């Protein structure tokens, strides 16, 4: 069975051929918006409850406007990516 998988921006295929979040690609897509403190969404892609809300508070304390917090489509995060724009 030949299955064609359409990847969204910020996704890549895992070694098993499953779509996964590509954090470097997401950072590259988000970086131009972060430069001007544009409205941001904070998503939690882990099993730890409350991380998105904690991230929102930290960003708001730095002057970043956060429009939404929530859970990512799948709990698949294995690393955290922090982008600092000064």
PDB file of N, CA and C in Angstrom:
ATOM      1  N   UNK A   1       0.839  -1.179   0.000  1.00  0.00           N
ATOM      2  CA  UNK A   1       0.000   0.000   0.000  1.00  0.00           C
ATOM      3  C   UNK A   1       0.884   1.243   0.000  1.00  0.00           C
ATOM      4  N   UNK A   2       0.762   2.059  -1.016  1.00  0.00           N
ATOM      5  CA  UNK A   2       1.551   3.274  -1.133  1.00  0.00           C
ATOM      6  C   UNK A   2       0.744   4.436  -0.561  1.00  0.00           C
ATOM      7  N   UNK A   3       1.187   4.946   0.586  1.00  0.00           N
ATOM      8  CA  UNK A   3       0.481   6.034   1.245  1.00  0.00           C
ATOM      9  C   UNK A   3       1.260   7.317   1.051  1.00  0.00           C
ATOM     10  N   UNK A   4       0.573   8.351   0.565  1.00  0.00           N
ATOM     11  CA  UNK A   4       1.188   9.653   0.353  1.00  0.00           C
ATOM     12  C   UNK A   4       0.888  10.522   1.566  1.00  0.00           C
ATOM     13  N   UNK A   5       1.914  10.986   2.247  1.00  0.00           N
ATOM     14  CA  UNK A   5       1.744  11.813   3.441  1.00  0.00           C
ATOM     15  C   UNK A   5       2.047  13.254   3.078  1.00  0.00           C
ATOM     16  N   UNK A   6       1.102  14.130   3.369  1.00  0.00           N
ATOM     17  CA  UNK A   6       1.296  15.558   3.139  1.00  0.00           C
ATOM     18  C   UNK A   6       1.764  16.182   4.444  1.00  0.00           C
ATOM     19  N   UNK A   7       2.932  16.803   4.425  1.00  0.00           N
ATOM     20  CA  UNK A   7       3.483  17.423   5.616  1.00  0.00           C
ATOM     21  C   UNK A   7       3.136  18.901   5.654  1.00  0.00           C
ATOM     22  N   UNK A   8       2.802  19.378   6.821  1.00  0.00           N
ATOM     23  CA  UNK A   8       2.555  20.796   7.034  1.00  0.00           C
ATOM     24  C   UNK A   8       3.878  21.507   7.268  1.00  0.00           C
ATOM     25  N   UNK A   9       3.910  22.830   7.094  1.00  0.00           N
ATOM     26  CA  UNK A   9       5.139  23.549   7.443  1.00  0.00           C
ATOM     27  C   UNK A   9       5.489  23.269   8.900  1.00  0.00           C
ATOM     28  N   UNK A  10       6.728  22.969   9.162  1.00  0.00           N
ATOM     29  CA  UNK A  10       7.149  22.669  10.529  1.00  0.00           C
ATOM     30  C   UNK A  10       7.061  21.203  10.881  1.00  0.00           C
ATOM     31  N   UNK A  11       6.770  20.354   9.913  1.00  0.00           N
ATOM     32  CA  UNK A  11       6.729  18.920  10.162  1.00  0.00           C
ATOM     33  C   UNK A  11       7.827  18.222   9.371  1.00  0.00           C
ATOM     34  N   UNK A  12       8.189  17.040   9.824  1.00  0.00           N
ATOM     35  CA  UNK A  12       9.116  16.169   9.116  1.00  0.00           C
ATOM     36  C   UNK A  12       8.686  14.741   9.381  1.00  0.00           C
ATOM     37  N   UNK A  13       9.243  13.816   8.662  1.00  0.00           N
ATOM     38  CA  UNK A  13       8.932  12.411   8.890  1.00  0.00           C
ATOM     39  C   UNK A  13       9.917  11.827   9.895  1.00  0.00           C
ATOM     40  N   UNK A  14       9.398  11.048  10.834  1.00  0.00           N
ATOM     41  CA  UNK A  14      10.244  10.350  11.799  1.00  0.00           C
ATOM     42  C   UNK A  14      10.909   9.176  11.087  1.00  0.00           C
ATOM     43  N   UNK A  15      11.876   8.528  11.743  1.00  0.00           N
ATOM     44  CA  UNK A  15      12.484   7.338  11.128  1.00  0.00           C
ATOM     45  C   UNK A  15      11.456   6.249  10.801  1.00  0.00           C
ATOM     46  N   UNK A  16      10.333   6.249  11.509  1.00  0.00           N
ATOM     47  CA  UNK A  16       9.274   5.272  11.235  1.00  0.00           C
ATOM     48  C   UNK A  16       8.317   5.736  10.142  1.00  0.00           C
ATOM     49  N   UNK A  17       8.567   6.929   9.593  1.00  0.00           N
ATOM     50  CA  UNK A  17       7.722   7.440   8.527  1.00  0.00           C
ATOM     51  C   UNK A  17       6.474   8.153   8.999  1.00  0.00           C
ATOM     52  N   UNK A  18       6.451   8.566  10.259  1.00  0.00           N
ATOM     53  CA  UNK A  18       5.291   9.260  10.810  1.00  0.00           C
ATOM     54  C   UNK A  18       5.580  10.755  10.884  1.00  0.00           C
ATOM     55  N   UNK A  19       4.576  11.595  10.639  1.00  0.00           N
ATOM     56  CA  UNK A  19       4.772  13.046  10.743  1.00  0.00           C
ATOM     57  C   UNK A  19       5.098  13.455  12.174  1.00  0.00           C
ATOM     58  N   UNK A  20       6.115  14.275  12.338  1.00  0.00           N
ATOM     59  CA  UNK A  20       6.531  14.778  13.644  1.00  0.00           C
ATOM     60  C   UNK A  20       6.821  16.265  13.533  1.00  0.00           C
ATOM     61  N   UNK A  21       6.780  16.941  14.659  1.00  0.00           N
ATOM     62  CA  UNK A  21       7.080  18.364  14.707  1.00  0.00           C
ATOM     63  C   UNK A  21       8.584  18.573  14.560  1.00  0.00           C
ATOM     64  N   UNK A  22       8.980  19.451  13.652  1.00  0.00           N
ATOM     65  CA  UNK A  22      10.388  19.799  13.452  1.00  0.00           C
ATOM     66  C   UNK A  22      10.610  21.154  14.129  1.00  0.00           C
ATOM     67  N   UNK A  23      11.183  21.127  15.335  1.00  0.00           N
ATOM     68  CA  UNK A  23      11.309  22.331  16.148  1.00  0.00           C
ATOM     69  C   UNK A  23      12.161  23.410  15.475  1.00  0.00           C
ATOM     70  N   UNK A  24      13.192  22.999  14.768  1.00  0.00           N
ATOM     71  CA  UNK A  24      14.023  23.987  14.078  1.00  0.00           C
ATOM     72  C   UNK A  24      13.222  24.686  12.980  1.00  0.00           C
ATOM     73  N   UNK A  25      12.406  23.932  12.267  1.00  0.00           N
ATOM     74  CA  UNK A  25      11.579  24.535  11.213  1.00  0.00           C
ATOM     75  C   UNK A  25      10.528  25.465  11.806  1.00  0.00           C
ATOM     76  N   UNK A  26       9.927  25.052  12.927  1.00  0.00           N
ATOM     77  CA  UNK A  26       8.941  25.907  13.595  1.00  0.00           C
ATOM     78  C   UNK A  26       9.602  27.198  14.059  1.00  0.00           C
ATOM     79  N   UNK A  27      10.796  27.076  14.631  1.00  0.00           N
ATOM     80  CA  UNK A  27      11.517  28.266  15.080  1.00  0.00           C
ATOM     81  C   UNK A  27      11.823  29.186  13.903  1.00  0.00           C
ATOM     82  N   UNK A  28      12.220  28.603  12.792  1.00  0.00           N
ATOM     83  CA  UNK A  28      12.497  29.408  11.605  1.00  0.00           C
ATOM     84  C   UNK A  28      11.261  30.116  11.074  1.00  0.00           C
ATOM     85  N   UNK A  29      10.123  29.452  11.172  1.00  0.00           N
ATOM     86  CA  UNK A  29       8.873  30.077  10.736  1.00  0.00           C
ATOM     87  C   UNK A  29       8.423  31.169  11.710  1.00  0.00           C
ATOM     88  N   UNK A  30       8.653  30.954  13.000  1.00  0.00           N
ATOM     89  CA  UNK A  30       8.169  31.885  14.028  1.00  0.00           C
ATOM     90  C   UNK A  30       9.098  33.072  14.246  1.00  0.00           C
ATOM     91  N   UNK A  31      10.377  32.913  13.959  1.00  0.00           N
ATOM     92  CA  UNK A  31      11.366  33.937  14.304  1.00  0.00           C
ATOM     93  C   UNK A  31      11.032  35.328  13.756  1.00  0.00           C
ATOM     94  N   UNK A  32      10.640  35.475  12.484  1.00  0.00           N
ATOM     95  CA  UNK A  32      10.319  36.828  11.998  1.00  0.00           C
ATOM     96  C   UNK A  32       9.191  37.495  12.789  1.00  0.00           C
ATOM     97  N   UNK A  33       8.247  36.719  13.254  1.00  0.00           N
ATOM     98  CA  UNK A  33       7.149  37.281  14.033  1.00  0.00           C
ATOM     99  C   UNK A  33       7.601  37.678  15.428  1.00  0.00           C
ATOM    100  N   UNK A  34       8.539  36.936  15.961  1.00  0.00           N
ATOM    101  CA  UNK A  34       9.029  37.223  17.306  1.00  0.00           C
ATOM    102  C   UNK A  34       9.863  38.497  17.332  1.00  0.00           C
ATOM    103  N   UNK A  35      10.472  38.843  16.225  1.00  0.00           N
ATOM    104  CA  UNK A  35      11.317  40.022  16.189  1.00  0.00           C
ATOM    105  C   UNK A  35      10.549  41.303  16.483  1.00  0.00           C
ATOM    106  N   UNK A  36       9.288  41.326  16.132  1.00  0.00           N
ATOM    107  CA  UNK A  36       8.510  42.535  16.366  1.00  0.00           C
ATOM    108  C   UNK A  36       7.472  42.363  17.475  1.00  0.00           C
ATOM    109  N   UNK A  37       7.680  41.392  18.341  1.00  0.00           N
ATOM    110  CA  UNK A  37       6.765  41.103  19.452  1.00  0.00           C
ATOM    111  C   UNK A  37       5.332  40.913  18.967  1.00  0.00           C
ATOM    112  N   UNK A  38       5.182  40.265  17.845  1.00  0.00           N
ATOM    113  CA  UNK A  38       3.846  39.989  17.324  1.00  0.00           C
ATOM    114  C   UNK A  38       3.115  39.056  18.277  1.00  0.00           C
ATOM    115  N   UNK A  39       1.843  38.935  18.092  1.00  0.00           N
ATOM    116  CA  UNK A  39       1.026  38.058  18.931  1.00  0.00           C
ATOM    117  C   UNK A  39       1.492  36.624  18.734  1.00  0.00           C
ATOM    118  N   UNK A  40       1.691  35.925  19.832  1.00  0.00           N
ATOM    119  CA  UNK A  40       2.210  34.565  19.793  1.00  0.00           C
ATOM    120  C   UNK A  40       1.225  33.591  20.428  1.00  0.00           C
ATOM    121  N   UNK A  41       1.301  32.333  20.030  1.00  0.00           N
ATOM    122  CA  UNK A  41       0.569  31.250  20.676  1.00  0.00           C
ATOM    123  C   UNK A  41       1.589  30.354  21.356  1.00  0.00           C
ATOM    124  N   UNK A  42       1.271  29.901  22.551  1.00  0.00           N
ATOM    125  CA  UNK A  42       2.151  29.004  23.300  1.00  0.00           C
ATOM    126  C   UNK A  42       1.463  27.650  23.383  1.00  0.00           C
ATOM    127  N   UNK A  43       2.125  26.607  22.848  1.00  0.00           N
ATOM    128  CA  UNK A  43       1.551  25.273  22.844  1.00  0.00           C
ATOM    129  C   UNK A  43       2.398  24.330  23.685  1.00  0.00           C
ATOM    130  N   UNK A  44       1.728  23.476  24.432  1.00  0.00           N
ATOM    131  CA  UNK A  44       2.390  22.469  25.251  1.00  0.00           C
ATOM    132  C   UNK A  44       2.356  21.149  24.493  1.00  0.00           C
ATOM    133  N   UNK A  45       3.527  20.626  24.142  1.00  0.00           N
ATOM    134  CA  UNK A  45       3.615  19.359  23.419  1.00  0.00           C
ATOM    135  C   UNK A  45       4.175  18.258  24.311  1.00  0.00           C
ATOM    136  N   UNK A  46       3.958  18.395  25.626  1.00  0.00           N
ATOM    137  CA  UNK A  46       4.440  17.385  26.569  1.00  0.00           C
ATOM    138  C   UNK A  46       3.263  16.834  27.360  1.00  0.00           C
ATOM    139  N   UNK A  47       3.550  15.870  28.210  1.00  0.00           N
ATOM    140  CA  UNK A  47       2.534  15.319  29.103  1.00  0.00           C
ATOM    141  C   UNK A  47       2.414  16.118  30.395  1.00  0.00           C
ATOM    142  N   UNK A  48       3.252  17.138  30.577  1.00  0.00           N
ATOM    143  CA  UNK A  48       3.252  17.936  31.801  1.00  0.00           C
ATOM    144  C   UNK A  48       2.203  19.031  31.707  1.00  0.00           C
ATOM    145  N   UNK A  49       1.229  18.970  32.593  1.00  0.00           N
ATOM    146  CA  UNK A  49       0.135  19.939  32.590  1.00  0.00           C
ATOM    147  C   UNK A  49       0.625  21.317  33.046  1.00  0.00           C
ATOM    148  N   UNK A  50       0.128  22.366  32.405  1.00  0.00           N
ATOM    149  CA  UNK A  50       0.393  23.731  32.842  1.00  0.00           C
ATOM    150  C   UNK A  50       1.596  24.418  32.234  1.00  0.00           C
ATOM    151  N   UNK A  51       2.355  23.732  31.389  1.00  0.00           N
ATOM    152  CA  UNK A  51       3.564  24.348  30.825  1.00  0.00           C
ATOM    153  C   UNK A  51       3.245  25.511  29.899  1.00  0.00           C
ATOM    154  N   UNK A  52       2.181  25.418  29.132  1.00  0.00           N
ATOM    155  CA  UNK A  52       1.835  26.510  28.220  1.00  0.00           C
ATOM    156  C   UNK A  52       1.469  27.766  29.005  1.00  0.00           C
ATOM    157  N   UNK A  53       0.735  27.610  30.097  1.00  0.00           N
ATOM    158  CA  UNK A  53       0.366  28.768  30.916  1.00  0.00           C
ATOM    159  C   UNK A  53       1.591  29.403  31.562  1.00  0.00           C
ATOM    160  N   UNK A  54       2.516  28.575  32.022  1.00  0.00           N
ATOM    161  CA  UNK A  54       3.756  29.085  32.598  1.00  0.00           C
ATOM    162  C   UNK A  54       4.560  29.838  31.550  1.00  0.00           C
ATOM    163  N   UNK A  55       4.618  29.279  30.336  1.00  0.00           N
ATOM    164  CA  UNK A  55       5.320  29.940  29.238  1.00  0.00           C
ATOM    165  C   UNK A  55       4.669  31.262  28.867  1.00  0.00           C
ATOM    166  N   UNK A  56       3.332  31.294  28.864  1.00  0.00           N
ATOM    167  CA  UNK A  56       2.621  32.542  28.564  1.00  0.00           C
ATOM    168  C   UNK A  56       2.997  33.623  29.563  1.00  0.00           C
ATOM    169  N   UNK A  57       2.995  33.284  30.845  1.00  0.00           N
ATOM    170  CA  UNK A  57       3.325  34.269  31.881  1.00  0.00           C
ATOM    171  C   UNK A  57       4.738  34.792  31.702  1.00  0.00           C
ATOM    172  N   UNK A  58       5.681  33.890  31.428  1.00  0.00           N
ATOM    173  CA  UNK A  58       7.076  34.306  31.233  1.00  0.00           C
ATOM    174  C   UNK A  58       7.205  35.230  30.024  1.00  0.00           C
ATOM    175  N   UNK A  59       6.515  34.903  28.939  1.00  0.00           N
ATOM    176  CA  UNK A  59       6.583  35.747  27.743  1.00  0.00           C
ATOM    177  C   UNK A  59       5.919  37.097  27.972  1.00  0.00           C
ATOM    178  N   UNK A  60       4.782  37.099  28.642  1.00  0.00           N
ATOM    179  CA  UNK A  60       4.098  38.360  28.920  1.00  0.00           C
ATOM    180  C   UNK A  60       4.953  39.258  29.809  1.00  0.00           C
ATOM    181  N   UNK A  61       5.688  38.670  30.744  1.00  0.00           N
ATOM    182  CA  UNK A  61       6.587  39.450  31.587  1.00  0.00           C
ATOM    183  C   UNK A  61       7.723  40.078  30.790  1.00  0.00           C
ATOM    184  N   UNK A  62       8.014  39.520  29.613  1.00  0.00           N
ATOM    185  CA  UNK A  62       9.050  40.068  28.722  1.00  0.00           C
ATOM    186  C   UNK A  62       8.457  41.022  27.685  1.00  0.00           C
ATOM    187  N   UNK A  63       7.141  41.244  27.753  1.00  0.00           N
ATOM    188  CA  UNK A  63       6.510  42.178  26.828  1.00  0.00           C
ATOM    189  C   UNK A  63       5.957  41.573  25.553  1.00  0.00           C
ATOM    190  N   UNK A  64       5.933  40.249  25.464  1.00  0.00           N
ATOM    191  CA  UNK A  64       5.394  39.586  24.275  1.00  0.00           C
ATOM    192  C   UNK A  64       3.900  39.386  24.469  1.00  0.00           C
ATOM    193  N   UNK A  65       3.131  39.764  23.466  1.00  0.00           N
ATOM    194  CA  UNK A  65       1.683  39.564  23.518  1.00  0.00           C
ATOM    195  C   UNK A  65       1.352  38.133  23.130  1.00  0.00           C
ATOM    196  N   UNK A  66       0.690  37.415  24.013  1.00  0.00           N
ATOM    197  CA  UNK A  66       0.330  36.020  23.758  1.00  0.00           C
ATOM    198  C   UNK A  66      -1.174  35.948  23.525  1.00  0.00           C
ATOM    199  N   UNK A  67      -1.555  35.439  22.352  1.00  0.00           N
ATOM    200  CA  UNK A  67      -2.971  35.397  21.998  1.00  0.00           C
ATOM    201  C   UNK A  67      -3.657  34.125  22.449  1.00  0.00           C
ATOM    202  N   UNK A  68      -2.907  33.028  22.554  1.00  0.00           N
ATOM    203  CA  UNK A  68      -3.549  31.754  22.875  1.00  0.00           C
ATOM    204  C   UNK A  68      -2.569  30.812  23.550  1.00  0.00           C
ATOM    205  N   UNK A  69      -3.081  29.975  24.413  1.00  0.00           N
ATOM    206  CA  UNK A  69      -2.313  28.877  24.989  1.00  0.00           C
ATOM    207  C   UNK A  69      -3.132  27.611  24.804  1.00  0.00           C
ATOM    208  N   UNK A  70      -2.440  26.497  24.738  1.00  0.00           N
ATOM    209  CA  UNK A  70      -3.165  25.241  24.585  1.00  0.00           C
ATOM    210  C   UNK A  70      -2.216  24.082  24.411  1.00  0.00           C
ATOM    211  N   UNK A  71      -2.777  22.964  24.010  1.00  0.00           N
ATOM    212  CA  UNK A  71      -2.003  21.751  23.793  1.00  0.00           C
ATOM    213  C   UNK A  71      -1.727  21.579  22.309  1.00  0.00           C
ATOM    214  N   UNK A  72      -0.551  21.074  21.987  1.00  0.00           N
ATOM    215  CA  UNK A  72      -0.224  20.754  20.599  1.00  0.00           C
ATOM    216  C   UNK A  72      -1.054  19.540  20.175  1.00  0.00           C
ATOM    217  N   UNK A  73      -1.048  19.238  18.898  1.00  0.00           N
ATOM    218  CA  UNK A  73      -1.854  18.131  18.395  1.00  0.00           C
ATOM    219  C   UNK A  73      -1.447  16.787  18.981  1.00  0.00           C
ATOM    220  N   UNK A  74      -0.168  16.633  19.284  1.00  0.00           N
ATOM    221  CA  UNK A  74       0.309  15.358  19.831  1.00  0.00           C
ATOM    222  C   UNK A  74       1.398  15.628  20.854  1.00  0.00           C
ATOM    223  N   UNK A  75       1.404  14.838  21.904  1.00  0.00           N
ATOM    224  CA  UNK A  75       2.445  14.957  22.926  1.00  0.00           C
ATOM    225  C   UNK A  75       3.685  14.226  22.429  1.00  0.00           C
ATOM    226  N   UNK A  76       4.572  14.970  21.755  1.00  0.00           N
ATOM    227  CA  UNK A  76       5.726  14.330  21.136  1.00  0.00           C
ATOM    228  C   UNK A  76       7.025  15.074  21.398  1.00  0.00           C
ATOM    229  N   UNK A  77       7.007  16.072  22.249  1.00  0.00           N
ATOM    230  CA  UNK A  77       8.211  16.853  22.470  1.00  0.00           C
ATOM    231  C   UNK A  77       9.238  16.049  23.248  1.00  0.00           C
ATOM    232  N   UNK A  78      10.477  16.107  22.781  1.00  0.00           N
ATOM    233  CA  UNK A  78      11.571  15.481  23.512  1.00  0.00           C
ATOM    234  C   UNK A  78      12.602  16.515  23.927  1.00  0.00           C
ATOM    235  N   UNK A  79      12.503  17.719  23.364  1.00  0.00           N
ATOM    236  CA  UNK A  79      13.421  18.800  23.702  1.00  0.00           C
ATOM    237  C   UNK A  79      12.645  20.116  23.794  1.00  0.00           C
ATOM    238  N   UNK A  80      13.291  21.085  24.369  1.00  0.00           N
ATOM    239  CA  UNK A  80      12.719  22.432  24.448  1.00  0.00           C
ATOM    240  C   UNK A  80      13.594  23.363  23.635  1.00  0.00           C
ATOM    241  N   UNK A  81      12.982  24.205  22.822  1.00  0.00           N
ATOM    242  CA  UNK A  81      13.706  25.180  22.030  1.00  0.00           C
ATOM    243  C   UNK A  81      13.379  26.570  22.553  1.00  0.00           C
ATOM    244  N   UNK A  82      14.406  27.305  22.927  1.00  0.00           N
ATOM    245  CA  UNK A  82      14.227  28.674  23.411  1.00  0.00           C
ATOM    246  C   UNK A  82      14.905  29.600  22.415  1.00  0.00           C
ATOM    247  N   UNK A  83      14.164  30.586  21.918  1.00  0.00           N
ATOM    248  CA  UNK A  83      14.707  31.555  20.980  1.00  0.00           C
ATOM    249  C   UNK A  83      14.721  32.903  21.678  1.00  0.00           C
ATOM    250  N   UNK A  84      15.892  33.511  21.760  1.00  0.00           N
ATOM    251  CA  UNK A  84      16.006  34.800  22.395  1.00  0.00           C
ATOM    252  C   UNK A  84      16.290  35.844  21.326  1.00  0.00           C
ATOM    253  N   UNK A  85      15.353  36.780  21.187  1.00  0.00           N
ATOM    254  CA  UNK A  85      15.533  37.883  20.240  1.00  0.00           C
ATOM    255  C   UNK A  85      15.700  39.164  21.035  1.00  0.00           C
ATOM    256  N   UNK A  86      16.787  39.843  20.820  1.00  0.00           N
ATOM    257  CA  UNK A  86      17.035  41.085  21.577  1.00  0.00           C
ATOM    258  C   UNK A  86      17.075  42.257  20.630  1.00  0.00           C
TER     259      UNK A  86
END
